[in-house]
Amino acid sequence: MPDQDSSSSAEPNMPQTASFAEVVREFFGFVSVRGKHEVGRIQEMSRHQLEMRQLRRDRDKRLEKLGREAIALVNAGEIEHPGLAVHIEHIQQLQGRIDTLAEEGPTAHGVADIGEEE
């Protein structure tokens, strides 16, 4: 069996004695390409999330406007529906609680006044 040199089994396009600088350059090239790919992927995900958020915001604004119009129509007597009446009554109760809390202002609830400490 002929004696084979271990250097002949190496890949032909990779020099046997690659300098440290070449190895580092190749590594950073790989990292750069990989980084650019990841940045592109993250940008695409961000665009998608932004579009979803905007569409949901638009939908919520439309639903809010529809609700205000339905309340106005029920109050004007133009439409009658038991389900709408229940929801409108609940909304009016919530608004009453909001108005009451706004008039009362914040309360101490166990917080001592700074000047009363001894």
PDB file of N, CA and C in Angstrom:
ATOM      1  N   MET A   1       0.842  -1.163   0.000  1.00  0.00           N
ATOM      2  CA  MET A   1       0.000   0.000   0.000  1.00  0.00           C
ATOM      3  C   MET A   1       0.894   1.234   0.000  1.00  0.00           C
ATOM      4  N   PRO A   2       0.655   2.138  -0.954  1.00  0.00           N
ATOM      5  CA  PRO A   2       1.523   3.309  -1.013  1.00  0.00           C
ATOM      6  C   PRO A   2       1.266   4.211   0.187  1.00  0.00           C
ATOM      7  N   ASP A   3       2.323   4.820   0.618  1.00  0.00           N
ATOM      8  CA  ASP A   3       2.245   5.722   1.758  1.00  0.00           C
ATOM      9  C   ASP A   3       1.606   7.027   1.292  1.00  0.00           C
ATOM     10  N   GLN A   4       0.422   7.357   1.838  1.00  0.00           N
ATOM     11  CA  GLN A   4      -0.294   8.565   1.410  1.00  0.00           C
ATOM     12  C   GLN A   4       0.028   9.715   2.350  1.00  0.00           C
ATOM     13  N   ASP A   5       0.221  10.867   1.756  1.00  0.00           N
ATOM     14  CA  ASP A   5       0.456  12.071   2.534  1.00  0.00           C
ATOM     15  C   ASP A   5      -0.893  12.593   3.018  1.00  0.00           C
ATOM     16  N   SER A   6      -0.984  12.956   4.292  1.00  0.00           N
ATOM     17  CA  SER A   6      -2.260  13.424   4.841  1.00  0.00           C
ATOM     18  C   SER A   6      -2.682  14.748   4.227  1.00  0.00           C
ATOM     19  N   SER A   7      -1.765  15.491   3.667  1.00  0.00           N
ATOM     20  CA  SER A   7      -2.103  16.770   3.065  1.00  0.00           C
ATOM     21  C   SER A   7      -2.849  16.589   1.748  1.00  0.00           C
ATOM     22  N   SER A   8      -2.728  15.448   1.101  1.00  0.00           N
ATOM     23  CA  SER A   8      -3.412  15.230  -0.172  1.00  0.00           C
ATOM     24  C   SER A   8      -4.899  14.960   0.028  1.00  0.00           C
ATOM     25  N   SER A   9      -5.334  14.604   1.234  1.00  0.00           N
ATOM     26  CA  SER A   9      -6.755  14.350   1.479  1.00  0.00           C
ATOM     27  C   SER A   9      -7.494  15.633   1.821  1.00  0.00           C
ATOM     28  N   ALA A  10      -6.816  16.760   2.001  1.00  0.00           N
ATOM     29  CA  ALA A  10      -7.459  18.037   2.314  1.00  0.00           C
ATOM     30  C   ALA A  10      -8.211  18.538   1.092  1.00  0.00           C
ATOM     31  N   GLU A  11      -9.165  19.435   1.323  1.00  0.00           N
ATOM     32  CA  GLU A  11      -9.949  19.991   0.223  1.00  0.00           C
ATOM     33  C   GLU A  11      -9.035  20.802  -0.682  1.00  0.00           C
ATOM     34  N   PRO A  12      -9.227  20.695  -1.999  1.00  0.00           N
ATOM     35  CA  PRO A  12      -8.321  21.370  -2.921  1.00  0.00           C
ATOM     36  C   PRO A  12      -8.458  22.895  -2.902  1.00  0.00           C
ATOM     37  N   ASN A  13      -9.625  23.443  -2.594  1.00  0.00           N
ATOM     38  CA  ASN A  13      -9.793  24.886  -2.650  1.00  0.00           C
ATOM     39  C   ASN A  13      -9.377  25.579  -1.353  1.00  0.00           C
ATOM     40  N   MET A  14      -9.086  24.862  -0.304  1.00  0.00           N
ATOM     41  CA  MET A  14      -8.656  25.434   0.971  1.00  0.00           C
ATOM     42  C   MET A  14      -7.165  25.202   1.107  1.00  0.00           C
ATOM     43  N   PRO A  15      -6.383  26.274   1.177  1.00  0.00           N
ATOM     44  CA  PRO A  15      -4.943  26.067   1.323  1.00  0.00           C
ATOM     45  C   PRO A  15      -4.639  25.386   2.650  1.00  0.00           C
ATOM     46  N   GLN A  16      -3.612  24.594   2.630  1.00  0.00           N
ATOM     47  CA  GLN A  16      -3.282  23.803   3.812  1.00  0.00           C
ATOM     48  C   GLN A  16      -2.848  24.683   4.971  1.00  0.00           C
ATOM     49  N   THR A  17      -2.167  25.728   4.670  1.00  0.00           N
ATOM     50  CA  THR A  17      -1.668  26.612   5.724  1.00  0.00           C
ATOM     51  C   THR A  17      -2.347  27.974   5.589  1.00  0.00           C
ATOM     52  N   ALA A  18      -3.635  28.034   5.955  1.00  0.00           N
ATOM     53  CA  ALA A  18      -4.362  29.301   5.904  1.00  0.00           C
ATOM     54  C   ALA A  18      -3.892  30.166   7.059  1.00  0.00           C
ATOM     55  N   SER A  19      -3.654  31.414   6.756  1.00  0.00           N
ATOM     56  CA  SER A  19      -3.181  32.312   7.805  1.00  0.00           C
ATOM     57  C   SER A  19      -4.330  32.634   8.752  1.00  0.00           C
ATOM     58  N   PHE A  20      -3.969  33.085   9.921  1.00  0.00           N
ATOM     59  CA  PHE A  20      -4.970  33.457  10.924  1.00  0.00           C
ATOM     60  C   PHE A  20      -5.862  34.565  10.392  1.00  0.00           C
ATOM     61  N   ALA A  21      -5.299  35.517   9.695  1.00  0.00           N
ATOM     62  CA  ALA A  21      -6.065  36.637   9.143  1.00  0.00           C
ATOM     63  C   ALA A  21      -7.106  36.141   8.140  1.00  0.00           C
ATOM     64  N   GLU A  22      -6.752  35.154   7.324  1.00  0.00           N
ATOM     65  CA  GLU A  22      -7.707  34.603   6.350  1.00  0.00           C
ATOM     66  C   GLU A  22      -8.848  33.886   7.058  1.00  0.00           C
ATOM     67  N   VAL A  23      -8.527  33.148   8.087  1.00  0.00           N
ATOM     68  CA  VAL A  23      -9.564  32.435   8.846  1.00  0.00           C
ATOM     69  C   VAL A  23     -10.500  33.435   9.502  1.00  0.00           C
ATOM     70  N   VAL A  24      -9.949  34.471  10.109  1.00  0.00           N
ATOM     71  CA  VAL A  24     -10.767  35.497  10.759  1.00  0.00           C
ATOM     72  C   VAL A  24     -11.617  36.222   9.727  1.00  0.00           C
ATOM     73  N   ARG A  25     -11.032  36.561   8.568  1.00  0.00           N
ATOM     74  CA  ARG A  25     -11.776  37.240   7.506  1.00  0.00           C
ATOM     75  C   ARG A  25     -12.946  36.378   7.035  1.00  0.00           C
ATOM     76  N   GLU A  26     -12.703  35.088   6.855  1.00  0.00           N
ATOM     77  CA  GLU A  26     -13.772  34.178   6.415  1.00  0.00           C
ATOM     78  C   GLU A  26     -14.868  34.075   7.480  1.00  0.00           C
ATOM     79  N   PHE A  27     -14.453  34.009   8.739  1.00  0.00           N
ATOM     80  CA  PHE A  27     -15.417  33.924   9.839  1.00  0.00           C
ATOM     81  C   PHE A  27     -16.294  35.173   9.879  1.00  0.00           C
ATOM     82  N   PHE A  28     -15.661  36.352   9.805  1.00  0.00           N
ATOM     83  CA  PHE A  28     -16.434  37.593   9.843  1.00  0.00           C
ATOM     84  C   PHE A  28     -17.319  37.748   8.613  1.00  0.00           C
ATOM     85  N   GLY A  29     -16.884  37.242   7.491  1.00  0.00           N
ATOM     86  CA  GLY A  29     -17.737  37.252   6.303  1.00  0.00           C
ATOM     87  C   GLY A  29     -18.991  36.421   6.517  1.00  0.00           C
ATOM     88  N   PHE A  30     -18.798  35.247   7.106  1.00  0.00           N
ATOM     89  CA  PHE A  30     -19.946  34.378   7.411  1.00  0.00           C
ATOM     90  C   PHE A  30     -20.875  35.064   8.402  1.00  0.00           C
ATOM     91  N   VAL A  31     -20.301  35.653   9.463  1.00  0.00           N
ATOM     92  CA  VAL A  31     -21.109  36.332  10.478  1.00  0.00           C
ATOM     93  C   VAL A  31     -21.850  37.509   9.866  1.00  0.00           C
ATOM     94  N   SER A  32     -21.197  38.239   8.977  1.00  0.00           N
ATOM     95  CA  SER A  32     -21.816  39.386   8.330  1.00  0.00           C
ATOM     96  C   SER A  32     -23.023  38.965   7.491  1.00  0.00           C
ATOM     97  N   VAL A  33     -22.849  37.925   6.693  1.00  0.00           N
ATOM     98  CA  VAL A  33     -23.950  37.434   5.854  1.00  0.00           C
ATOM     99  C   VAL A  33     -25.100  36.948   6.728  1.00  0.00           C
ATOM    100  N   ARG A  34     -24.757  36.200   7.763  1.00  0.00           N
ATOM    101  CA  ARG A  34     -25.781  35.675   8.687  1.00  0.00           C
ATOM    102  C   ARG A  34     -26.501  36.824   9.403  1.00  0.00           C
ATOM    103  N   GLY A  35     -25.738  37.833   9.824  1.00  0.00           N
ATOM    104  CA  GLY A  35     -26.319  38.989  10.506  1.00  0.00           C
ATOM    105  C   GLY A  35     -27.272  39.756   9.605  1.00  0.00           C
ATOM    106  N   LYS A  36     -26.874  39.951   8.351  1.00  0.00           N
ATOM    107  CA  LYS A  36     -27.742  40.650   7.405  1.00  0.00           C
ATOM    108  C   LYS A  36     -29.039  39.882   7.190  1.00  0.00           C
ATOM    109  N   HIS A  37     -28.941  38.580   7.126  1.00  0.00           N
ATOM    110  CA  HIS A  37     -30.130  37.743   6.958  1.00  0.00           C
ATOM    111  C   HIS A  37     -31.067  37.899   8.161  1.00  0.00           C
ATOM    112  N   GLU A  38     -30.490  37.860   9.362  1.00  0.00           N
ATOM    113  CA  GLU A  38     -31.304  37.979  10.580  1.00  0.00           C
ATOM    114  C   GLU A  38     -31.928  39.367  10.681  1.00  0.00           C
ATOM    115  N   VAL A  39     -31.187  40.404  10.328  1.00  0.00           N
ATOM    116  CA  VAL A  39     -31.733  41.759  10.369  1.00  0.00           C
ATOM    117  C   VAL A  39     -32.909  41.870   9.408  1.00  0.00           C
ATOM    118  N   GLY A  40     -32.783  41.309   8.225  1.00  0.00           N
ATOM    119  CA  GLY A  40     -33.879  41.317   7.260  1.00  0.00           C
ATOM    120  C   GLY A  40     -35.097  40.575   7.774  1.00  0.00           C
ATOM    121  N   ARG A  41     -34.868  39.452   8.425  1.00  0.00           N
ATOM    122  CA  ARG A  41     -35.972  38.669   8.976  1.00  0.00           C
ATOM    123  C   ARG A  41     -36.673  39.443  10.088  1.00  0.00           C
ATOM    124  N   ILE A  42     -35.911  40.092  10.938  1.00  0.00           N
ATOM    125  CA  ILE A  42     -36.492  40.862  12.038  1.00  0.00           C
ATOM    126  C   ILE A  42     -37.249  42.075  11.497  1.00  0.00           C
ATOM    127  N   GLN A  43     -36.721  42.716  10.462  1.00  0.00           N
ATOM    128  CA  GLN A  43     -37.428  43.841   9.853  1.00  0.00           C
ATOM    129  C   GLN A  43     -38.775  43.398   9.290  1.00  0.00           C
ATOM    130  N   GLU A  44     -38.802  42.260   8.651  1.00  0.00           N
ATOM    131  CA  GLU A  44     -40.052  41.749   8.088  1.00  0.00           C
ATOM    132  C   GLU A  44     -41.058  41.438   9.195  1.00  0.00           C
ATOM    133  N   MET A  45     -40.588  40.830  10.280  1.00  0.00           N
ATOM    134  CA  MET A  45     -41.477  40.541  11.411  1.00  0.00           C
ATOM    135  C   MET A  45     -42.016  41.838  12.009  1.00  0.00           C
ATOM    136  N   SER A  46     -41.184  42.847  12.120  1.00  0.00           N
ATOM    137  CA  SER A  46     -41.607  44.134  12.675  1.00  0.00           C
ATOM    138  C   SER A  46     -42.648  44.793  11.792  1.00  0.00           C
ATOM    139  N   ARG A  47     -42.416  44.757  10.481  1.00  0.00           N
ATOM    140  CA  ARG A  47     -43.406  45.314   9.546  1.00  0.00           C
ATOM    141  C   ARG A  47     -44.749  44.613   9.692  1.00  0.00           C
ATOM    142  N   HIS A  48     -44.706  43.298   9.809  1.00  0.00           N
ATOM    143  CA  HIS A  48     -45.935  42.518   9.954  1.00  0.00           C
ATOM    144  C   HIS A  48     -46.660  42.888  11.246  1.00  0.00           C
ATOM    145  N   GLN A  49     -45.922  42.975  12.358  1.00  0.00           N
ATOM    146  CA  GLN A  49     -46.537  43.328  13.635  1.00  0.00           C
ATOM    147  C   GLN A  49     -47.103  44.740  13.599  1.00  0.00           C
ATOM    148  N   LEU A  50     -46.398  45.666  12.962  1.00  0.00           N
ATOM    149  CA  LEU A  50     -46.885  47.034  12.847  1.00  0.00           C
ATOM    150  C   LEU A  50     -48.177  47.089  12.039  1.00  0.00           C
ATOM    151  N   GLU A  51     -48.228  46.354  10.939  1.00  0.00           N
ATOM    152  CA  GLU A  51     -49.441  46.331  10.122  1.00  0.00           C
ATOM    153  C   GLU A  51     -50.606  45.723  10.893  1.00  0.00           C
ATOM    154  N   MET A  52     -50.352  44.640  11.628  1.00  0.00           N
ATOM    155  CA  MET A  52     -51.407  44.012  12.442  1.00  0.00           C
ATOM    156  C   MET A  52     -51.913  44.994  13.507  1.00  0.00           C
ATOM    157  N   ARG A  53     -50.989  45.676  14.181  1.00  0.00           N
ATOM    158  CA  ARG A  53     -51.371  46.634  15.226  1.00  0.00           C
ATOM    159  C   ARG A  53     -52.217  47.760  14.642  1.00  0.00           C
ATOM    160  N   GLN A  54     -51.832  48.267  13.475  1.00  0.00           N
ATOM    161  CA  GLN A  54     -52.577  49.352  12.842  1.00  0.00           C
ATOM    162  C   GLN A  54     -53.970  48.885  12.422  1.00  0.00           C
ATOM    163  N   LEU A  55     -54.070  47.696  11.854  1.00  0.00           N
ATOM    164  CA  LEU A  55     -55.373  47.176  11.450  1.00  0.00           C
ATOM    165  C   LEU A  55     -56.284  46.979  12.660  1.00  0.00           C
ATOM    166  N   ARG A  56     -55.741  46.467  13.756  1.00  0.00           N
ATOM    167  CA  ARG A  56     -56.548  46.285  14.974  1.00  0.00           C
ATOM    168  C   ARG A  56     -56.996  47.632  15.534  1.00  0.00           C
ATOM    169  N   ARG A  57     -56.107  48.626  15.505  1.00  0.00           N
ATOM    170  CA  ARG A  57     -56.466  49.962  15.987  1.00  0.00           C
ATOM    171  C   ARG A  57     -57.591  50.545  15.128  1.00  0.00           C
ATOM    172  N   ASP A  58     -57.478  50.396  13.806  1.00  0.00           N
ATOM    173  CA  ASP A  58     -58.527  50.891  12.908  1.00  0.00           C
ATOM    174  C   ASP A  58     -59.850  50.191  13.182  1.00  0.00           C
ATOM    175  N   ARG A  59     -59.796  48.874  13.367  1.00  0.00           N
ATOM    176  CA  ARG A  59     -61.005  48.113  13.666  1.00  0.00           C
ATOM    177  C   ARG A  59     -61.632  48.582  14.972  1.00  0.00           C
ATOM    178  N   ASP A  60     -60.823  48.765  16.004  1.00  0.00           N
ATOM    179  CA  ASP A  60     -61.341  49.190  17.304  1.00  0.00           C
ATOM    180  C   ASP A  60     -61.976  50.574  17.226  1.00  0.00           C
ATOM    181  N   LYS A  61     -61.381  51.470  16.441  1.00  0.00           N
ATOM    182  CA  LYS A  61     -61.970  52.803  16.276  1.00  0.00           C
ATOM    183  C   LYS A  61     -63.319  52.710  15.572  1.00  0.00           C
ATOM    184  N   ARG A  62     -63.399  51.839  14.573  1.00  0.00           N
ATOM    185  CA  ARG A  62     -64.687  51.655  13.868  1.00  0.00           C
ATOM    186  C   ARG A  62     -65.749  51.077  14.806  1.00  0.00           C
ATOM    187  N   LEU A  63     -65.364  50.107  15.629  1.00  0.00           N
ATOM    188  CA  LEU A  63     -66.310  49.532  16.582  1.00  0.00           C
ATOM    189  C   LEU A  63     -66.775  50.574  17.599  1.00  0.00           C
ATOM    190  N   GLU A  64     -65.857  51.415  18.050  1.00  0.00           N
ATOM    191  CA  GLU A  64     -66.211  52.468  18.994  1.00  0.00           C
ATOM    192  C   GLU A  64     -67.195  53.452  18.353  1.00  0.00           C
ATOM    193  N   LYS A  65     -66.920  53.826  17.110  1.00  0.00           N
ATOM    194  CA  LYS A  65     -67.817  54.749  16.408  1.00  0.00           C
ATOM    195  C   LYS A  65     -69.194  54.115  16.195  1.00  0.00           C
ATOM    196  N   LEU A  66     -69.198  52.838  15.837  1.00  0.00           N
ATOM    197  CA  LEU A  66     -70.467  52.133  15.657  1.00  0.00           C
ATOM    198  C   LEU A  66     -71.258  52.113  16.961  1.00  0.00           C
ATOM    199  N   GLY A  67     -70.564  51.892  18.071  1.00  0.00           N
ATOM    200  CA  GLY A  67     -71.231  51.883  19.375  1.00  0.00           C
ATOM    201  C   GLY A  67     -71.844  53.233  19.707  1.00  0.00           C
ATOM    202  N   ARG A  68     -71.101  54.312  19.457  1.00  0.00           N
ATOM    203  CA  ARG A  68     -71.639  55.645  19.731  1.00  0.00           C
ATOM    204  C   ARG A  68     -72.865  55.929  18.868  1.00  0.00           C
ATOM    205  N   GLU A  69     -72.812  55.501  17.610  1.00  0.00           N
ATOM    206  CA  GLU A  69     -73.965  55.708  16.719  1.00  0.00           C
ATOM    207  C   GLU A  69     -75.157  54.880  17.174  1.00  0.00           C
ATOM    208  N   ALA A  70     -74.914  53.651  17.611  1.00  0.00           N
ATOM    209  CA  ALA A  70     -76.019  52.803  18.093  1.00  0.00           C
ATOM    210  C   ALA A  70     -76.656  53.422  19.332  1.00  0.00           C
ATOM    211  N   ILE A  71     -75.847  53.946  20.248  1.00  0.00           N
ATOM    212  CA  ILE A  71     -76.390  54.591  21.448  1.00  0.00           C
ATOM    213  C   ILE A  71     -77.248  55.786  21.059  1.00  0.00           C
ATOM    214  N   ALA A  72     -76.767  56.583  20.124  1.00  0.00           N
ATOM    215  CA  ALA A  72     -77.528  57.754  19.678  1.00  0.00           C
ATOM    216  C   ALA A  72     -78.851  57.331  19.043  1.00  0.00           C
ATOM    217  N   LEU A  73     -78.831  56.263  18.245  1.00  0.00           N
ATOM    218  CA  LEU A  73     -80.060  55.800  17.601  1.00  0.00           C
ATOM    219  C   LEU A  73     -81.049  55.237  18.622  1.00  0.00           C
ATOM    220  N   VAL A  74     -80.576  54.517  19.630  1.00  0.00           N
ATOM    221  CA  VAL A  74     -81.456  53.982  20.669  1.00  0.00           C
ATOM    222  C   VAL A  74     -82.041  55.126  21.490  1.00  0.00           C
ATOM    223  N   ASN A  75     -81.205  56.090  21.869  1.00  0.00           N
ATOM    224  CA  ASN A  75     -81.693  57.232  22.649  1.00  0.00           C
ATOM    225  C   ASN A  75     -82.700  58.069  21.874  1.00  0.00           C
ATOM    226  N   ALA A  76     -82.552  58.133  20.555  1.00  0.00           N
ATOM    227  CA  ALA A  76     -83.488  58.888  19.716  1.00  0.00           C
ATOM    228  C   ALA A  76     -84.753  58.091  19.425  1.00  0.00           C
ATOM    229  N   GLY A  77     -84.780  56.823  19.820  1.00  0.00           N
ATOM    230  CA  GLY A  77     -85.961  55.991  19.586  1.00  0.00           C
ATOM    231  C   GLY A  77     -86.057  55.476  18.164  1.00  0.00           C
ATOM    232  N   GLU A  78     -84.992  55.555  17.410  1.00  0.00           N
ATOM    233  CA  GLU A  78     -85.023  55.104  16.022  1.00  0.00           C
ATOM    234  C   GLU A  78     -84.843  53.597  15.894  1.00  0.00           C
ATOM    235  N   ILE A  79     -84.161  52.978  16.864  1.00  0.00           N
ATOM    236  CA  ILE A  79     -84.051  51.514  16.870  1.00  0.00           C
ATOM    237  C   ILE A  79     -84.320  51.018  18.287  1.00  0.00           C
ATOM    238  N   GLU A  80     -84.873  49.814  18.340  1.00  0.00           N
ATOM    239  CA  GLU A  80     -85.130  49.181  19.630  1.00  0.00           C
ATOM    240  C   GLU A  80     -84.670  47.736  19.559  1.00  0.00           C
ATOM    241  N   HIS A  81     -83.883  47.367  20.562  1.00  0.00           N
ATOM    242  CA  HIS A  81     -83.427  45.983  20.647  1.00  0.00           C
ATOM    243  C   HIS A  81     -83.059  45.724  22.104  1.00  0.00           C
ATOM    244  N   PRO A  82     -83.561  44.613  22.672  1.00  0.00           N
ATOM    245  CA  PRO A  82     -83.297  44.364  24.099  1.00  0.00           C
ATOM    246  C   PRO A  82     -81.808  44.219  24.423  1.00  0.00           C
ATOM    247  N   GLY A  83     -81.035  43.613  23.548  1.00  0.00           N
ATOM    248  CA  GLY A  83     -79.606  43.450  23.785  1.00  0.00           C
ATOM    249  C   GLY A  83     -78.881  44.783  23.816  1.00  0.00           C
ATOM    250  N   LEU A  84     -79.271  45.678  22.901  1.00  0.00           N
ATOM    251  CA  LEU A  84     -78.667  47.011  22.892  1.00  0.00           C
ATOM    252  C   LEU A  84     -79.032  47.780  24.156  1.00  0.00           C
ATOM    253  N   ALA A  85     -80.268  47.651  24.577  1.00  0.00           N
ATOM    254  CA  ALA A  85     -80.714  48.373  25.767  1.00  0.00           C
ATOM    255  C   ALA A  85     -79.917  47.950  26.998  1.00  0.00           C
ATOM    256  N   VAL A  86     -79.637  46.658  27.139  1.00  0.00           N
ATOM    257  CA  VAL A  86     -78.868  46.157  28.280  1.00  0.00           C
ATOM    258  C   VAL A  86     -77.460  46.728  28.258  1.00  0.00           C
ATOM    259  N   HIS A  87     -76.835  46.713  27.103  1.00  0.00           N
ATOM    260  CA  HIS A  87     -75.467  47.224  26.995  1.00  0.00           C
ATOM    261  C   HIS A  87     -75.408  48.732  27.238  1.00  0.00           C
ATOM    262  N   ILE A  88     -76.382  49.444  26.715  1.00  0.00           N
ATOM    263  CA  ILE A  88     -76.412  50.895  26.907  1.00  0.00           C
ATOM    264  C   ILE A  88     -76.614  51.229  28.381  1.00  0.00           C
ATOM    265  N   GLU A  89     -77.477  50.487  29.059  1.00  0.00           N
ATOM    266  CA  GLU A  89     -77.685  50.707  30.493  1.00  0.00           C
ATOM    267  C   GLU A  89     -76.385  50.475  31.271  1.00  0.00           C
ATOM    268  N   HIS A  90     -75.676  49.426  30.927  1.00  0.00           N
ATOM    269  CA  HIS A  90     -74.404  49.143  31.596  1.00  0.00           C
ATOM    270  C   HIS A  90     -73.386  50.248  31.331  1.00  0.00           C
ATOM    271  N   ILE A  91     -73.322  50.723  30.107  1.00  0.00           N
ATOM    272  CA  ILE A  91     -72.412  51.820  29.759  1.00  0.00           C
ATOM    273  C   ILE A  91     -72.775  53.075  30.552  1.00  0.00           C
ATOM    274  N   GLN A  92     -74.070  53.353  30.695  1.00  0.00           N
ATOM    275  CA  GLN A  92     -74.491  54.522  31.459  1.00  0.00           C
ATOM    276  C   GLN A  92     -74.124  54.389  32.938  1.00  0.00           C
ATOM    277  N   GLN A  93     -74.219  53.179  33.478  1.00  0.00           N
ATOM    278  CA  GLN A  93     -73.812  52.955  34.870  1.00  0.00           C
ATOM    279  C   GLN A  93     -72.302  53.185  35.030  1.00  0.00           C
ATOM    280  N   LEU A  94     -71.528  52.676  34.101  1.00  0.00           N
ATOM    281  CA  LEU A  94     -70.083  52.894  34.147  1.00  0.00           C
ATOM    282  C   LEU A  94     -69.749  54.378  34.056  1.00  0.00           C
ATOM    283  N   GLN A  95     -70.425  55.091  33.179  1.00  0.00           N
ATOM    284  CA  GLN A  95     -70.188  56.523  33.040  1.00  0.00           C
ATOM    285  C   GLN A  95     -70.539  57.251  34.332  1.00  0.00           C
ATOM    286  N   GLY A  96     -71.612  56.817  34.992  1.00  0.00           N
ATOM    287  CA  GLY A  96     -71.986  57.413  36.280  1.00  0.00           C
ATOM    288  C   GLY A  96     -70.897  57.210  37.325  1.00  0.00           C
ATOM    289  N   ARG A  97     -70.338  56.004  37.373  1.00  0.00           N
ATOM    290  CA  ARG A  97     -69.247  55.737  38.316  1.00  0.00           C
ATOM    291  C   ARG A  97     -68.013  56.580  37.988  1.00  0.00           C
ATOM    292  N   ILE A  98     -67.716  56.729  36.704  1.00  0.00           N
ATOM    293  CA  ILE A  98     -66.579  57.559  36.279  1.00  0.00           C
ATOM    294  C   ILE A  98     -66.788  59.004  36.727  1.00  0.00           C
ATOM    295  N   ASP A  99     -68.007  59.524  36.512  1.00  0.00           N
ATOM    296  CA  ASP A  99     -68.301  60.907  36.899  1.00  0.00           C
ATOM    297  C   ASP A  99     -68.177  61.088  38.413  1.00  0.00           C
ATOM    298  N   THR A 100     -68.676  60.122  39.189  1.00  0.00           N
ATOM    299  CA  THR A 100     -68.597  60.198  40.646  1.00  0.00           C
ATOM    300  C   THR A 100     -67.150  60.208  41.121  1.00  0.00           C
ATOM    301  N   LEU A 101     -66.340  59.294  40.587  1.00  0.00           N
ATOM    302  CA  LEU A 101     -64.934  59.245  40.972  1.00  0.00           C
ATOM    303  C   LEU A 101     -64.189  60.518  40.567  1.00  0.00           C
ATOM    304  N   ALA A 102     -64.538  61.066  39.430  1.00  0.00           N
ATOM    305  CA  ALA A 102     -63.887  62.292  38.974  1.00  0.00           C
ATOM    306  C   ALA A 102     -64.221  63.452  39.910  1.00  0.00           C
ATOM    307  N   GLU A 103     -65.463  63.507  40.409  1.00  0.00           N
ATOM    308  CA  GLU A 103     -65.859  64.569  41.334  1.00  0.00           C
ATOM    309  C   GLU A 103     -65.171  64.412  42.684  1.00  0.00           C
ATOM    310  N   GLU A 104     -65.059  63.171  43.169  1.00  0.00           N
ATOM    311  CA  GLU A 104     -64.467  62.918  44.480  1.00  0.00           C
ATOM    312  C   GLU A 104     -62.962  63.173  44.471  1.00  0.00           C
ATOM    313  N   GLY A 105     -62.314  62.880  43.400  1.00  0.00           N
ATOM    314  CA  GLY A 105     -60.876  63.028  43.324  1.00  0.00           C
ATOM    315  C   GLY A 105     -60.194  61.865  44.027  1.00  0.00           C
ATOM    316  N   PRO A 106     -58.861  61.869  44.046  1.00  0.00           N
ATOM    317  CA  PRO A 106     -58.132  60.766  44.700  1.00  0.00           C
ATOM    318  C   PRO A 106     -58.328  60.829  46.209  1.00  0.00           C
ATOM    319  N   THR A 107     -58.320  59.658  46.833  1.00  0.00           N
ATOM    320  CA  THR A 107     -58.473  59.581  48.281  1.00  0.00           C
ATOM    321  C   THR A 107     -57.183  59.082  48.896  1.00  0.00           C
ATOM    322  N   ALA A 108     -57.035  59.304  50.205  1.00  0.00           N
ATOM    323  CA  ALA A 108     -55.799  58.936  50.893  1.00  0.00           C
ATOM    324  C   ALA A 108     -55.654  57.433  51.041  1.00  0.00           C
ATOM    325  N   HIS A 109     -56.704  56.710  51.371  1.00  0.00           N
ATOM    326  CA  HIS A 109     -56.682  55.249  51.543  1.00  0.00           C
ATOM    327  C   HIS A 109     -55.451  54.762  52.281  1.00  0.00           C
ATOM    328  N   GLY A 110     -55.269  55.240  53.504  1.00  0.00           N
ATOM    329  CA  GLY A 110     -54.176  54.744  54.338  1.00  0.00           C
ATOM    330  C   GLY A 110     -52.858  55.458  54.134  1.00  0.00           C
ATOM    331  N   VAL A 111     -52.835  56.446  53.284  1.00  0.00           N
ATOM    332  CA  VAL A 111     -51.605  57.189  53.078  1.00  0.00           C
ATOM    333  C   VAL A 111     -51.642  58.391  54.013  1.00  0.00           C
ATOM    334  N   ALA A 112     -50.701  58.478  54.936  1.00  0.00           N
ATOM    335  CA  ALA A 112     -50.654  59.570  55.896  1.00  0.00           C
ATOM    336  C   ALA A 112     -50.141  60.836  55.229  1.00  0.00           C
ATOM    337  N   ASP A 113     -50.699  61.950  55.646  1.00  0.00           N
ATOM    338  CA  ASP A 113     -50.189  63.225  55.153  1.00  0.00           C
ATOM    339  C   ASP A 113     -48.761  63.418  55.624  1.00  0.00           C
ATOM    340  N   ILE A 114     -47.957  63.991  54.844  1.00  0.00           N
ATOM    341  CA  ILE A 114     -46.549  64.172  55.169  1.00  0.00           C
ATOM    342  C   ILE A 114     -46.387  65.053  56.402  1.00  0.00           C
ATOM    343  N   GLY A 115     -47.224  66.092  56.545  1.00  0.00           N
ATOM    344  CA  GLY A 115     -47.129  67.016  57.664  1.00  0.00           C
ATOM    345  C   GLY A 115     -47.580  66.424  58.991  1.00  0.00           C
ATOM    346  N   GLU A 116     -48.332  65.337  58.998  1.00  0.00           N
ATOM    347  CA  GLU A 116     -48.866  64.746  60.228  1.00  0.00           C
ATOM    348  C   GLU A 116     -47.913  63.759  60.877  1.00  0.00           C
ATOM    349  N   GLU A 117     -46.815  63.440  60.253  1.00  0.00           N
ATOM    350  CA  GLU A 117     -45.885  62.478  60.840  1.00  0.00           C
ATOM    351  C   GLU A 117     -45.167  63.102  62.017  1.00  0.00           C
ATOM    352  N   GLU A 118     -44.977  62.355  63.110  1.00  0.00           N
ATOM    353  CA  GLU A 118     -44.296  62.881  64.287  1.00  0.00           C
ATOM    354  C   GLU A 118     -43.114  62.044  64.633  1.00  0.00           C
TER     355      GLU A 118
END
